[in-house]
Amino acid sequence: MKAVWDHWRQRWENALLACSKLGGRADELVIMAPAAVSEVEKIEAEIRMKLPESFRRVITGHAASMRMFWHLQRKIELPGPLVGIFCGNCEWDLSLIPEWETQRKNWITSCFPNPQKPGDKIWHDKLAFHGLDIGDMLAFDLSQDSFPVVYLSHDLDESHGYVLGKNFEDFMDKWTQLGCPGAEDWQMLPFTHDPMSGLDPDCENARLWKKLFGLPA
């Protein structure tokens, strides 16, 4: 896992450097110490469920929280499928999991209470680990043994329920290869093929994006 983590860290650094070369904003990469098992167990007791093992390995082995942010200040010419990409914002924080879970449950109570409705159902049996300013969320699908990472859309958009990775490590490995363009659906979906494909860092849009942004091929 250390070799994989080293790849992630190098890719974050590459993305920040690429953005800087384009005249954009690139914040300092922030990586905190790994979480103690007792810290994880405290959060699990609070949310009354176990964290997926793929996520647990990362937060106990490498970082309880991290943040990588870049923002393109100068307009670069992007083709249609990529035109909405403007920033990168990769982060997680063990201590915020209860807050994100409360927000997910509030969405269910206020808007998506009926698990018999297809759109509502997708909000159920999940564990949120990251919330977006627009109200959407990234979450683990607890109904699947591998706990894939899925996108939750507050307005039940096309992206609602899209699988982004087979598990947390798979999602992060593919996302970091892209330089972690923002977690909003319009920045993620150009790198998917269909609702079940997950991110594909080798697809045509991905190759074009990496070339235009300045990432290693």
Protein backbone atom coordinates (compact mmCIF):
# COMPACT_ATOMS: atom_id res chain seq x y z
CA MET A 1 0.00 0.00 0.00
CA LYS A 2 2.93 2.37 0.64
CA ALA A 3 3.91 2.27 -3.04
CA VAL A 4 0.33 3.11 -4.03
CA TRP A 5 0.21 5.96 -1.50
CA ASP A 6 3.49 7.35 -2.87
CA HIS A 7 1.93 7.36 -6.35
CA TRP A 8 -1.09 9.29 -5.06
CA ARG A 9 1.09 11.87 -3.36
CA GLN A 10 3.22 12.36 -6.48
CA ARG A 11 0.10 12.77 -8.62
CA TRP A 12 -1.29 15.42 -6.25
CA GLU A 13 2.00 17.28 -6.50
CA ASN A 14 1.96 16.94 -10.30
CA ALA A 15 -1.56 18.42 -10.47
CA LEU A 16 -0.62 21.38 -8.27
CA LEU A 17 2.46 22.05 -10.39
CA ALA A 18 0.46 21.77 -13.63
CA CYS A 19 -2.09 24.30 -12.38
CA SER A 20 0.66 26.69 -11.27
CA LYS A 21 2.27 26.53 -14.71
CA LEU A 22 -1.07 27.56 -16.21
CA GLY A 23 -1.22 30.59 -13.93
CA GLY A 24 -3.76 29.13 -11.55
CA ARG A 25 -4.03 28.84 -7.80
CA ALA A 26 -2.39 25.81 -6.20
CA ASP A 27 -2.70 25.49 -2.42
CA GLU A 28 -0.13 23.65 -0.37
CA LEU A 29 -0.85 19.93 -0.09
CA VAL A 30 -2.03 19.14 3.45
CA ILE A 31 -1.62 15.58 4.73
CA MET A 32 -2.24 14.83 8.40
CA ALA A 33 -1.00 11.89 10.49
CA PRO A 34 -2.70 8.50 10.29
CA ALA A 35 -5.62 7.87 12.62
CA ALA A 36 -5.24 5.62 15.64
CA VAL A 37 -7.51 2.59 15.72
CA SER A 38 -9.18 4.06 18.80
CA GLU A 39 -10.07 7.21 16.82
CA VAL A 40 -11.63 5.11 14.08
CA GLU A 41 -13.59 3.07 16.59
CA LYS A 42 -14.89 6.25 18.22
CA ILE A 43 -16.25 7.48 14.87
CA GLU A 44 -17.70 4.05 14.11
CA ALA A 45 -19.49 4.06 17.46
CA GLU A 46 -20.89 7.51 16.71
CA ILE A 47 -22.25 6.56 13.29
CA ARG A 48 -23.13 3.03 14.47
CA MET A 49 -21.45 1.23 11.60
CA LYS A 50 -18.05 -0.01 10.53
CA LEU A 51 -16.08 2.00 8.01
CA PRO A 52 -15.31 0.13 4.77
CA GLU A 53 -11.97 -1.68 5.03
CA SER A 54 -10.58 0.04 1.94
CA PHE A 55 -11.13 3.45 3.58
CA ARG A 56 -9.94 2.20 6.96
CA ARG A 57 -6.60 1.06 5.49
CA VAL A 58 -5.92 4.52 4.09
CA ILE A 59 -6.85 6.56 7.16
CA THR A 60 -5.02 4.29 9.62
CA GLY A 61 -2.02 3.61 7.40
CA HIS A 62 -1.44 7.00 5.79
CA ALA A 63 -3.65 9.98 6.67
CA ALA A 64 -6.69 10.61 8.84
CA SER A 65 -7.34 13.65 6.69
CA MET A 66 -5.87 15.37 3.65
CA ARG A 67 -6.64 18.24 1.30
CA MET A 68 -5.45 19.06 -2.19
CA PHE A 69 -6.89 22.11 -3.99
CA TRP A 70 -6.16 23.82 -7.28
CA HIS A 71 -8.15 26.35 -9.29
CA LEU A 72 -7.62 27.47 -12.87
CA GLN A 73 -7.53 31.26 -12.92
CA ARG A 74 -6.55 31.66 -16.52
CA LYS A 75 -8.94 30.28 -19.11
CA ILE A 76 -7.51 27.37 -21.04
CA GLU A 77 -9.13 26.06 -24.17
CA LEU A 78 -11.01 22.87 -23.34
CA PRO A 79 -13.15 20.85 -25.75
CA GLY A 80 -16.87 20.39 -25.14
CA PRO A 81 -16.81 17.35 -22.82
CA LEU A 82 -14.18 19.00 -20.59
CA VAL A 83 -15.35 22.61 -20.69
CA GLY A 84 -16.81 22.48 -17.17
CA ILE A 85 -13.52 21.58 -15.47
CA PHE A 86 -12.18 24.51 -13.48
CA CYS A 87 -10.77 23.19 -10.20
CA GLY A 88 -9.50 20.19 -8.29
CA ASN A 89 -10.57 19.46 -4.74
CA CYS A 90 -9.56 16.11 -3.29
CA GLU A 91 -10.07 15.71 0.44
CA TRP A 92 -11.22 13.45 3.22
CA ASP A 93 -11.41 13.84 6.98
CA LEU A 94 -12.25 11.07 9.41
CA SER A 95 -13.58 13.55 11.99
CA LEU A 96 -16.17 14.89 9.52
CA ILE A 97 -17.78 11.54 8.69
CA PRO A 98 -20.56 11.98 11.31
CA GLU A 99 -21.32 15.46 9.93
CA TRP A 100 -21.61 14.17 6.35
CA GLU A 101 -23.76 11.26 7.51
CA THR A 102 -26.09 13.65 9.32
CA GLN A 103 -26.39 15.70 6.13
CA ARG A 104 -27.17 12.56 4.08
CA LYS A 105 -29.85 11.51 6.55
CA ASN A 106 -31.33 15.00 6.50
CA TRP A 107 -31.65 14.76 2.71
CA ILE A 108 -33.51 11.45 3.15
CA THR A 109 -35.85 12.87 5.78
CA SER A 110 -36.64 16.05 3.90
CA CYS A 111 -36.60 14.93 0.27
CA PHE A 112 -35.99 11.22 -0.31
CA PRO A 113 -37.91 9.24 2.34
CA ASN A 114 -39.39 6.54 0.09
CA PRO A 115 -36.94 3.69 -0.71
CA GLN A 116 -39.53 2.29 -3.12
CA LYS A 117 -38.85 5.18 -5.50
CA PRO A 118 -35.75 4.59 -7.66
CA GLY A 119 -34.27 8.04 -7.07
CA ASP A 120 -34.98 8.02 -3.35
CA LYS A 121 -33.62 4.49 -2.96
CA ILE A 122 -30.13 5.51 -4.09
CA TRP A 123 -29.83 7.82 -1.07
CA HIS A 124 -30.48 4.88 1.29
CA ASP A 125 -27.95 2.26 2.46
CA LYS A 126 -25.03 4.61 1.93
CA LEU A 127 -22.26 6.13 4.07
CA ALA A 128 -21.32 9.67 3.06
CA PHE A 129 -17.66 10.64 3.33
CA HIS A 130 -17.58 13.94 1.43
CA GLY A 131 -20.15 16.67 0.85
CA LEU A 132 -20.12 19.28 -1.92
CA ASP A 133 -21.21 22.90 -1.71
CA ILE A 134 -23.93 22.22 -4.29
CA GLY A 135 -25.55 19.67 -1.95
CA ASP A 136 -24.35 16.51 -3.70
CA MET A 137 -22.26 13.89 -1.89
CA LEU A 138 -19.72 11.13 -2.41
CA ALA A 139 -20.59 7.98 -0.49
CA PHE A 140 -19.92 4.30 0.00
CA ASP A 141 -22.66 1.95 -1.20
CA LEU A 142 -23.29 -0.29 1.81
CA SER A 143 -25.57 -2.59 -0.18
CA GLN A 144 -22.55 -3.97 -2.08
CA ASP A 145 -19.89 -6.16 -0.43
CA SER A 146 -17.02 -4.18 -2.01
CA PHE A 147 -18.47 -0.82 -0.83
CA PRO A 148 -18.06 1.03 -4.15
CA VAL A 149 -17.83 4.82 -4.19
CA VAL A 150 -20.98 6.38 -5.68
CA TYR A 151 -22.23 9.87 -6.50
CA LEU A 152 -25.39 11.16 -4.79
CA SER A 153 -27.20 13.99 -6.56
CA HIS A 154 -29.56 16.18 -4.53
CA ASP A 155 -31.60 16.96 -7.65
CA LEU A 156 -31.52 13.35 -8.93
CA ASP A 157 -29.52 14.40 -11.97
CA GLU A 158 -28.09 12.01 -14.56
CA SER A 159 -25.10 11.44 -12.27
CA HIS A 160 -27.23 10.12 -9.38
CA GLY A 161 -25.95 6.71 -8.35
CA TYR A 162 -22.98 6.67 -10.72
CA VAL A 163 -20.27 4.30 -9.53
CA LEU A 164 -16.91 6.14 -9.43
CA GLY A 165 -14.72 3.35 -8.09
CA LYS A 166 -14.90 -0.29 -6.98
CA ASN A 167 -13.85 0.79 -3.49
CA PHE A 168 -12.13 3.79 -1.90
CA GLU A 169 -8.61 2.79 -2.97
CA ASP A 170 -9.68 2.06 -6.53
CA PHE A 171 -11.52 5.39 -6.72
CA MET A 172 -8.56 7.35 -5.36
CA ASP A 173 -6.07 5.60 -7.61
CA LYS A 174 -8.06 6.47 -10.72
CA TRP A 175 -8.97 9.97 -9.58
CA THR A 176 -5.36 10.90 -8.75
CA GLN A 177 -4.27 9.81 -12.23
CA LEU A 178 -6.54 12.57 -13.53
CA GLY A 179 -5.14 15.18 -11.14
CA CYS A 180 -8.38 15.06 -9.12
CA PRO A 181 -10.60 17.44 -11.09
CA GLY A 182 -13.41 18.64 -8.82
CA ALA A 183 -15.82 16.16 -7.28
CA GLU A 184 -18.89 17.80 -8.87
CA ASP A 185 -20.61 15.53 -11.37
CA TRP A 186 -19.92 17.71 -14.40
CA GLN A 187 -16.18 17.43 -13.68
CA MET A 188 -16.32 13.67 -13.00
CA LEU A 189 -18.66 12.26 -15.63
CA PRO A 190 -16.48 13.11 -18.68
CA PHE A 191 -14.14 10.37 -17.42
CA THR A 192 -16.80 7.64 -17.17
CA HIS A 193 -18.41 5.47 -19.84
CA ASP A 194 -21.68 4.62 -18.14
CA PRO A 195 -23.27 4.53 -14.66
CA MET A 196 -21.31 1.42 -13.64
CA SER A 197 -17.92 1.96 -15.30
CA GLY A 198 -16.16 3.99 -12.64
CA LEU A 199 -13.59 6.60 -13.56
CA ASP A 200 -11.38 5.65 -16.50
CA PRO A 201 -8.05 7.53 -16.43
CA ASP A 202 -7.14 6.09 -19.84
CA CYS A 203 -10.27 7.04 -21.79
CA GLU A 204 -10.12 9.48 -24.70
CA ASN A 205 -11.29 12.42 -22.56
CA ALA A 206 -8.74 11.53 -19.88
CA ARG A 207 -5.83 11.43 -22.32
CA LEU A 208 -6.88 14.76 -23.79
CA TRP A 209 -7.35 16.32 -20.35
CA LYS A 210 -3.94 15.21 -19.11
CA LYS A 211 -2.30 16.64 -22.22
CA LEU A 212 -4.06 20.01 -21.96
CA PHE A 213 -3.62 20.33 -18.18
CA GLY A 214 0.01 19.25 -18.31
CA LEU A 215 -0.02 15.92 -16.46
CA PRO A 216 2.26 13.00 -17.30
CA ALA A 217 0.69 10.79 -19.95
